[in-house]
């Protein structure tokens, strides 16, 4: 039985794409838990596979490639059946609007909090509201979550600059759907800055700020401005 399990696992490894992370749970169908553990141990000893973190493995890569901590975090979430998204603080730091040093790789998740290490880096899953995770499904949602994270102290002028730099006209129009799911202070801020793109039922403010600012964009045929600086995806 152990020999059969070893052969089936070898075939499974050969079927993997280059640089594909796989889970221990994917090997369950090949034999008993004890037999699978013994096969995994021998494959690691023979440097055929590498354990990344508990339950996650990688077939040996001749070029020495290893996945990033972010990739391992997302793979771990998939293994656990979690929905997750990157922490807004991390995104804000990446695009240069926050100078807070990011010392951990943090993901928001719908499951209980867990912490693990990979290549000396701490990866942390924080439990949070599902609506914040759903917001990050789009570029627009990431932008809204960043403003949410930066808080009321992020000035009106800085918010205006951020919206002009990172969102195009269509995304500002999509705020019709996003506004009801965010805090009141952020709703009021966006109502002040985006009076022409309010969700139905909101009272319009007397301002034409973005009517004039939109004209400063050089629009392409597909309706997108040419000066996009960062891809939230």
C-alpha atoms as a PDB file:
ATOM      1  CA  UNK A   1       0.000   0.000   0.000  1.00  0.00           C
ATOM      2  CA  UNK A   2       2.849   2.382   0.897  1.00  0.00           C
ATOM      3  CA  UNK A   3       4.523   1.711  -2.464  1.00  0.00           C
ATOM      4  CA  UNK A   4       1.264   2.412  -4.295  1.00  0.00           C
ATOM      5  CA  UNK A   5       0.809   5.672  -2.372  1.00  0.00           C
ATOM      6  CA  UNK A   6       4.369   6.753  -3.228  1.00  0.00           C
ATOM      7  CA  UNK A   7       3.795   6.079  -6.947  1.00  0.00           C
ATOM      8  CA  UNK A   8       0.512   8.003  -6.960  1.00  0.00           C
ATOM      9  CA  UNK A   9       2.143  10.982  -5.217  1.00  0.00           C
ATOM     10  CA  UNK A  10       5.023  10.910  -7.712  1.00  0.00           C
ATOM     11  CA  UNK A  11       2.510  11.030 -10.576  1.00  0.00           C
ATOM     12  CA  UNK A  12       0.680  13.876  -8.876  1.00  0.00           C
ATOM     13  CA  UNK A  13       3.909  15.878  -8.587  1.00  0.00           C
ATOM     14  CA  UNK A  14       4.662  15.354 -12.277  1.00  0.00           C
ATOM     15  CA  UNK A  15       1.201  16.695 -13.148  1.00  0.00           C
ATOM     16  CA  UNK A  16       1.821  20.011 -11.388  1.00  0.00           C
ATOM     17  CA  UNK A  17       2.585  23.157 -13.318  1.00  0.00           C
ATOM     18  CA  UNK A  18       5.981  24.810 -12.735  1.00  0.00           C
ATOM     19  CA  UNK A  19       6.019  26.853  -9.512  1.00  0.00           C
ATOM     20  CA  UNK A  20       2.610  25.528  -8.437  1.00  0.00           C
ATOM     21  CA  UNK A  21       1.996  25.371  -4.682  1.00  0.00           C
ATOM     22  CA  UNK A  22       0.124  22.283  -3.559  1.00  0.00           C
ATOM     23  CA  UNK A  23      -1.635  21.292  -0.341  1.00  0.00           C
ATOM     24  CA  UNK A  24      -1.235  18.225   1.829  1.00  0.00           C
ATOM     25  CA  UNK A  25      -5.004  17.834   1.662  1.00  0.00           C
ATOM     26  CA  UNK A  26      -4.680  17.131  -2.072  1.00  0.00           C
ATOM     27  CA  UNK A  27      -2.772  13.926  -1.253  1.00  0.00           C
ATOM     28  CA  UNK A  28      -5.417  12.416   1.053  1.00  0.00           C
ATOM     29  CA  UNK A  29      -6.946  10.331  -1.722  1.00  0.00           C
ATOM     30  CA  UNK A  30      -3.657   8.457  -2.234  1.00  0.00           C
ATOM     31  CA  UNK A  31      -3.508   6.649   1.116  1.00  0.00           C
ATOM     32  CA  UNK A  32      -3.703   6.832   4.885  1.00  0.00           C
ATOM     33  CA  UNK A  33      -2.535   9.885   6.801  1.00  0.00           C
ATOM     34  CA  UNK A  34       0.458   8.014   8.249  1.00  0.00           C
ATOM     35  CA  UNK A  35       1.571   6.707   4.853  1.00  0.00           C
ATOM     36  CA  UNK A  36       1.249  10.126   3.242  1.00  0.00           C
ATOM     37  CA  UNK A  37       3.303  11.724   6.046  1.00  0.00           C
ATOM     38  CA  UNK A  38       6.052   9.141   5.516  1.00  0.00           C
ATOM     39  CA  UNK A  39       6.103   9.794   1.761  1.00  0.00           C
ATOM     40  CA  UNK A  40       6.230  13.554   2.308  1.00  0.00           C
ATOM     41  CA  UNK A  41       9.121  13.157   4.752  1.00  0.00           C
ATOM     42  CA  UNK A  42      11.124  11.070   2.252  1.00  0.00           C
ATOM     43  CA  UNK A  43      10.434  13.518  -0.592  1.00  0.00           C
ATOM     44  CA  UNK A  44      11.635  16.431   1.547  1.00  0.00           C
ATOM     45  CA  UNK A  45      14.758  14.483   2.565  1.00  0.00           C
ATOM     46  CA  UNK A  46      15.440  13.733  -1.100  1.00  0.00           C
ATOM     47  CA  UNK A  47      14.896  17.443  -1.942  1.00  0.00           C
ATOM     48  CA  UNK A  48      12.091  16.560  -4.327  1.00  0.00           C
ATOM     49  CA  UNK A  49       9.652  18.889  -2.535  1.00  0.00           C
ATOM     50  CA  UNK A  50       9.903  21.706   0.012  1.00  0.00           C
ATOM     51  CA  UNK A  51       7.575  22.525   2.885  1.00  0.00           C
ATOM     52  CA  UNK A  52       6.695  26.237   2.735  1.00  0.00           C
ATOM     53  CA  UNK A  53       4.460  26.425   5.803  1.00  0.00           C
ATOM     54  CA  UNK A  54       2.278  23.848   7.540  1.00  0.00           C
ATOM     55  CA  UNK A  55       0.175  22.079   4.927  1.00  0.00           C
ATOM     56  CA  UNK A  56       1.721  23.885   1.920  1.00  0.00           C
ATOM     57  CA  UNK A  57       4.420  22.419  -0.322  1.00  0.00           C
ATOM     58  CA  UNK A  58       6.332  23.196  -3.499  1.00  0.00           C
ATOM     59  CA  UNK A  59       7.969  20.800  -5.941  1.00  0.00           C
ATOM     60  CA  UNK A  60      11.725  21.382  -6.142  1.00  0.00           C
ATOM     61  CA  UNK A  61      12.556  24.234  -8.535  1.00  0.00           C
ATOM     62  CA  UNK A  62      15.850  23.914 -10.400  1.00  0.00           C
ATOM     63  CA  UNK A  63      16.246  27.696 -10.569  1.00  0.00           C
ATOM     64  CA  UNK A  64      15.800  28.077  -6.807  1.00  0.00           C
ATOM     65  CA  UNK A  65      12.553  30.058  -7.185  1.00  0.00           C
ATOM     66  CA  UNK A  66      10.411  30.507  -4.075  1.00  0.00           C
ATOM     67  CA  UNK A  67       6.977  32.139  -3.836  1.00  0.00           C
ATOM     68  CA  UNK A  68       6.665  35.504  -2.110  1.00  0.00           C
ATOM     69  CA  UNK A  69       5.192  35.817   1.361  1.00  0.00           C
ATOM     70  CA  UNK A  70       2.067  37.364  -0.188  1.00  0.00           C
ATOM     71  CA  UNK A  71       1.646  34.341  -2.496  1.00  0.00           C
ATOM     72  CA  UNK A  72       2.074  31.949   0.407  1.00  0.00           C
ATOM     73  CA  UNK A  73      -0.475  33.900   2.447  1.00  0.00           C
ATOM     74  CA  UNK A  74      -3.034  33.698  -0.336  1.00  0.00           C
ATOM     75  CA  UNK A  75      -2.343  29.989  -0.852  1.00  0.00           C
ATOM     76  CA  UNK A  76      -2.786  29.362   2.874  1.00  0.00           C
ATOM     77  CA  UNK A  77      -6.128  31.158   2.754  1.00  0.00           C
ATOM     78  CA  UNK A  78      -7.201  28.972  -0.165  1.00  0.00           C
ATOM     79  CA  UNK A  79      -6.176  25.863   1.760  1.00  0.00           C
ATOM     80  CA  UNK A  80      -8.303  26.972   4.720  1.00  0.00           C
ATOM     81  CA  UNK A  81     -11.230  27.976   2.523  1.00  0.00           C
ATOM     82  CA  UNK A  82     -10.905  31.604   3.611  1.00  0.00           C
ATOM     83  CA  UNK A  83     -11.946  34.793   1.815  1.00  0.00           C
ATOM     84  CA  UNK A  84      -9.275  37.421   2.351  1.00  0.00           C
ATOM     85  CA  UNK A  85      -7.886  40.699   1.110  1.00  0.00           C
ATOM     86  CA  UNK A  86      -4.721  42.690   1.619  1.00  0.00           C
ATOM     87  CA  UNK A  87      -4.693  45.143   4.524  1.00  0.00           C
ATOM     88  CA  UNK A  88      -5.306  48.743   3.336  1.00  0.00           C
ATOM     89  CA  UNK A  89      -2.208  49.860   5.262  1.00  0.00           C
ATOM     90  CA  UNK A  90      -0.094  47.626   3.028  1.00  0.00           C
ATOM     91  CA  UNK A  91      -1.704  48.969  -0.160  1.00  0.00           C
ATOM     92  CA  UNK A  92      -1.336  52.577   1.034  1.00  0.00           C
ATOM     93  CA  UNK A  93       2.351  51.972   1.730  1.00  0.00           C
ATOM     94  CA  UNK A  94       2.886  50.366  -1.690  1.00  0.00           C
ATOM     95  CA  UNK A  95       1.470  53.350  -3.572  1.00  0.00           C
ATOM     96  CA  UNK A  96       3.329  55.876  -1.432  1.00  0.00           C
ATOM     97  CA  UNK A  97       0.527  57.721   0.391  1.00  0.00           C
ATOM     98  CA  UNK A  98       1.440  56.361   3.813  1.00  0.00           C
ATOM     99  CA  UNK A  99       4.915  56.424   5.352  1.00  0.00           C
ATOM    100  CA  UNK A 100       4.052  53.904   8.072  1.00  0.00           C
ATOM    101  CA  UNK A 101       6.577  51.076   7.983  1.00  0.00           C
ATOM    102  CA  UNK A 102       4.963  47.739   7.194  1.00  0.00           C
ATOM    103  CA  UNK A 103       6.685  45.125   9.373  1.00  0.00           C
ATOM    104  CA  UNK A 104       4.168  42.328   8.887  1.00  0.00           C
ATOM    105  CA  UNK A 105       2.203  40.975   5.948  1.00  0.00           C
ATOM    106  CA  UNK A 106      -1.393  41.303   7.071  1.00  0.00           C
ATOM    107  CA  UNK A 107      -4.530  40.068   5.362  1.00  0.00           C
ATOM    108  CA  UNK A 108      -8.122  40.693   6.386  1.00  0.00           C
ATOM    109  CA  UNK A 109     -10.114  37.465   6.542  1.00  0.00           C
ATOM    110  CA  UNK A 110     -13.576  36.223   7.455  1.00  0.00           C
ATOM    111  CA  UNK A 111     -12.119  33.449   9.624  1.00  0.00           C
ATOM    112  CA  UNK A 112     -10.467  33.443  13.018  1.00  0.00           C
ATOM    113  CA  UNK A 113      -7.093  35.206  13.394  1.00  0.00           C
ATOM    114  CA  UNK A 114      -3.949  33.138  12.798  1.00  0.00           C
ATOM    115  CA  UNK A 115      -0.240  33.975  12.543  1.00  0.00           C
ATOM    116  CA  UNK A 116       2.558  32.022  10.870  1.00  0.00           C
ATOM    117  CA  UNK A 117       6.083  32.623   9.557  1.00  0.00           C
ATOM    118  CA  UNK A 118       7.596  32.172   6.117  1.00  0.00           C
ATOM    119  CA  UNK A 119      11.233  32.907   5.307  1.00  0.00           C
ATOM    120  CA  UNK A 120      11.580  35.064   8.412  1.00  0.00           C
ATOM    121  CA  UNK A 121       8.442  37.124   7.657  1.00  0.00           C
ATOM    122  CA  UNK A 122       5.346  37.196   9.824  1.00  0.00           C
ATOM    123  CA  UNK A 123       2.086  36.613   7.975  1.00  0.00           C
ATOM    124  CA  UNK A 124      -1.022  37.502   9.924  1.00  0.00           C
ATOM    125  CA  UNK A 125      -4.702  36.889   9.198  1.00  0.00           C
ATOM    126  CA  UNK A 126      -6.977  39.420  10.937  1.00  0.00           C
ATOM    127  CA  UNK A 127     -10.691  38.824  11.251  1.00  0.00           C
ATOM    128  CA  UNK A 128     -12.762  41.693   9.853  1.00  0.00           C
ATOM    129  CA  UNK A 129     -16.190  42.533   8.472  1.00  0.00           C
ATOM    130  CA  UNK A 130     -17.081  40.805   5.222  1.00  0.00           C
ATOM    131  CA  UNK A 131     -18.092  44.149   3.661  1.00  0.00           C
ATOM    132  CA  UNK A 132     -14.494  45.418   3.906  1.00  0.00           C
ATOM    133  CA  UNK A 133     -13.249  42.314   2.148  1.00  0.00           C
ATOM    134  CA  UNK A 134     -15.888  42.629  -0.571  1.00  0.00           C
ATOM    135  CA  UNK A 135     -14.875  46.261  -1.134  1.00  0.00           C
ATOM    136  CA  UNK A 136     -11.378  45.150  -2.077  1.00  0.00           C
ATOM    137  CA  UNK A 137     -12.709  43.042  -4.943  1.00  0.00           C
ATOM    138  CA  UNK A 138     -12.271  46.067  -7.236  1.00  0.00           C
ATOM    139  CA  UNK A 139      -9.875  48.962  -7.797  1.00  0.00           C
ATOM    140  CA  UNK A 140     -12.608  51.295  -6.582  1.00  0.00           C
ATOM    141  CA  UNK A 141     -13.102  49.252  -3.440  1.00  0.00           C
ATOM    142  CA  UNK A 142      -9.383  49.303  -2.684  1.00  0.00           C
ATOM    143  CA  UNK A 143      -9.387  53.090  -3.015  1.00  0.00           C
ATOM    144  CA  UNK A 144     -12.371  53.424  -0.666  1.00  0.00           C
ATOM    145  CA  UNK A 145     -10.775  51.063   1.857  1.00  0.00           C
ATOM    146  CA  UNK A 146      -7.552  53.095   1.769  1.00  0.00           C
ATOM    147  CA  UNK A 147      -9.477  56.305   2.535  1.00  0.00           C
ATOM    148  CA  UNK A 148     -11.297  54.436   5.296  1.00  0.00           C
ATOM    149  CA  UNK A 149      -7.941  53.352   6.748  1.00  0.00           C
ATOM    150  CA  UNK A 150      -6.383  56.842   6.492  1.00  0.00           C
ATOM    151  CA  UNK A 151      -9.328  58.245   8.468  1.00  0.00           C
ATOM    152  CA  UNK A 152     -10.849  61.731   8.904  1.00  0.00           C
ATOM    153  CA  UNK A 153      -7.423  63.311   9.495  1.00  0.00           C
ATOM    154  CA  UNK A 154      -6.545  62.714   5.828  1.00  0.00           C
ATOM    155  CA  UNK A 155      -7.528  66.196   4.644  1.00  0.00           C
ATOM    156  CA  UNK A 156     -10.141  67.113   2.049  1.00  0.00           C
ATOM    157  CA  UNK A 157      -7.430  68.402  -0.293  1.00  0.00           C
ATOM    158  CA  UNK A 158      -5.416  65.196   0.079  1.00  0.00           C
ATOM    159  CA  UNK A 159      -8.570  63.149  -0.550  1.00  0.00           C
ATOM    160  CA  UNK A 160      -9.299  65.189  -3.682  1.00  0.00           C
ATOM    161  CA  UNK A 161      -5.745  64.595  -4.907  1.00  0.00           C
ATOM    162  CA  UNK A 162      -6.024  60.860  -4.204  1.00  0.00           C
ATOM    163  CA  UNK A 163      -9.343  60.494  -6.046  1.00  0.00           C
ATOM    164  CA  UNK A 164      -8.067  62.427  -9.060  1.00  0.00           C
ATOM    165  CA  UNK A 165      -4.854  60.422  -9.245  1.00  0.00           C
ATOM    166  CA  UNK A 166      -6.150  56.898  -8.710  1.00  0.00           C
ATOM    167  CA  UNK A 167      -9.761  56.817  -9.954  1.00  0.00           C
ATOM    168  CA  UNK A 168     -11.148  57.514 -13.406  1.00  0.00           C
ATOM    169  CA  UNK A 169     -14.599  58.849 -14.299  1.00  0.00           C
ATOM    170  CA  UNK A 170     -16.323  55.458 -14.519  1.00  0.00           C
ATOM    171  CA  UNK A 171     -15.034  54.439 -11.099  1.00  0.00           C
ATOM    172  CA  UNK A 172     -16.297  57.662  -9.531  1.00  0.00           C
ATOM    173  CA  UNK A 173     -19.685  56.894 -11.024  1.00  0.00           C
ATOM    174  CA  UNK A 174     -19.563  53.461  -9.390  1.00  0.00           C
ATOM    175  CA  UNK A 175     -19.535  55.161  -5.972  1.00  0.00           C
ATOM    176  CA  UNK A 176     -23.327  54.978  -6.289  1.00  0.00           C
ATOM    177  CA  UNK A 177     -23.011  51.390  -5.077  1.00  0.00           C
ATOM    178  CA  UNK A 178     -20.105  51.818  -2.668  1.00  0.00           C
ATOM    179  CA  UNK A 179     -21.156  54.818  -0.527  1.00  0.00           C
ATOM    180  CA  UNK A 180     -23.878  53.128   1.574  1.00  0.00           C
ATOM    181  CA  UNK A 181     -21.361  50.562   2.912  1.00  0.00           C
ATOM    182  CA  UNK A 182     -18.838  53.002   4.412  1.00  0.00           C
ATOM    183  CA  UNK A 183     -18.663  55.171   7.574  1.00  0.00           C
ATOM    184  CA  UNK A 184     -20.693  58.376   7.766  1.00  0.00           C
ATOM    185  CA  UNK A 185     -17.647  60.672   7.892  1.00  0.00           C
ATOM    186  CA  UNK A 186     -16.281  59.142   4.665  1.00  0.00           C
ATOM    187  CA  UNK A 187     -19.693  59.312   3.001  1.00  0.00           C
ATOM    188  CA  UNK A 188     -19.889  63.040   3.811  1.00  0.00           C
ATOM    189  CA  UNK A 189     -16.338  63.581   2.523  1.00  0.00           C
ATOM    190  CA  UNK A 190     -17.115  61.907  -0.794  1.00  0.00           C
ATOM    191  CA  UNK A 191     -20.442  63.706  -1.118  1.00  0.00           C
ATOM    192  CA  UNK A 192     -18.542  66.974  -0.736  1.00  0.00           C
ATOM    193  CA  UNK A 193     -15.968  66.029  -3.384  1.00  0.00           C
ATOM    194  CA  UNK A 194     -18.104  64.038  -5.810  1.00  0.00           C
ATOM    195  CA  UNK A 195     -21.471  65.814  -5.958  1.00  0.00           C
ATOM    196  CA  UNK A 196     -22.289  64.547  -9.441  1.00  0.00           C
ATOM    197  CA  UNK A 197     -21.853  60.869  -8.548  1.00  0.00           C
ATOM    198  CA  UNK A 198     -24.042  60.445  -5.475  1.00  0.00           C
ATOM    199  CA  UNK A 199     -26.002  57.261  -4.829  1.00  0.00           C
ATOM    200  CA  UNK A 200     -29.736  57.560  -5.325  1.00  0.00           C
ATOM    201  CA  UNK A 201     -31.419  59.014  -2.246  1.00  0.00           C
ATOM    202  CA  UNK A 202     -28.524  61.243  -1.179  1.00  0.00           C
ATOM    203  CA  UNK A 203     -29.016  65.007  -1.121  1.00  0.00           C
ATOM    204  CA  UNK A 204     -26.919  66.833  -3.711  1.00  0.00           C
ATOM    205  CA  UNK A 205     -24.403  69.403  -2.512  1.00  0.00           C
ATOM    206  CA  UNK A 206     -23.965  72.724  -4.333  1.00  0.00           C
ATOM    207  CA  UNK A 207     -20.532  72.141  -5.800  1.00  0.00           C
ATOM    208  CA  UNK A 208     -19.111  71.545  -9.249  1.00  0.00           C
ATOM    209  CA  UNK A 209     -15.594  70.658  -8.133  1.00  0.00           C
ATOM    210  CA  UNK A 210     -15.218  67.562 -10.251  1.00  0.00           C
ATOM    211  CA  UNK A 211     -17.044  69.003 -13.255  1.00  0.00           C
ATOM    212  CA  UNK A 212     -14.127  71.358 -13.726  1.00  0.00           C
ATOM    213  CA  UNK A 213     -11.470  68.851 -12.675  1.00  0.00           C
ATOM    214  CA  UNK A 214     -12.698  66.183 -15.085  1.00  0.00           C
ATOM    215  CA  UNK A 215     -11.908  68.513 -17.984  1.00  0.00           C
ATOM    216  CA  UNK A 216      -8.250  68.387 -17.004  1.00  0.00           C
ATOM    217  CA  UNK A 217      -8.030  64.721 -17.983  1.00  0.00           C
ATOM    218  CA  UNK A 218      -7.095  63.750 -21.527  1.00  0.00           C
ATOM    219  CA  UNK A 219      -9.661  61.033 -22.135  1.00  0.00           C
ATOM    220  CA  UNK A 220      -8.978  58.125 -24.470  1.00  0.00           C
ATOM    221  CA  UNK A 221     -11.596  56.506 -26.675  1.00  0.00           C
ATOM    222  CA  UNK A 222     -12.450  53.909 -24.033  1.00  0.00           C
ATOM    223  CA  UNK A 223     -13.326  56.598 -21.483  1.00  0.00           C
ATOM    224  CA  UNK A 224     -10.215  56.105 -19.337  1.00  0.00           C
ATOM    225  CA  UNK A 225      -7.826  58.945 -18.484  1.00  0.00           C
ATOM    226  CA  UNK A 226      -4.308  58.620 -19.796  1.00  0.00           C
ATOM    227  CA  UNK A 227      -2.660  59.517 -16.487  1.00  0.00           C
ATOM    228  CA  UNK A 228      -3.307  56.415 -14.409  1.00  0.00           C
ATOM    229  CA  UNK A 229      -0.395  55.840 -12.032  1.00  0.00           C
ATOM    230  CA  UNK A 230      -1.156  52.717 -10.010  1.00  0.00           C
ATOM    231  CA  UNK A 231      -2.937  49.451 -10.652  1.00  0.00           C
ATOM    232  CA  UNK A 232      -4.697  48.408  -7.433  1.00  0.00           C
ATOM    233  CA  UNK A 233      -4.968  44.876  -8.797  1.00  0.00           C
END
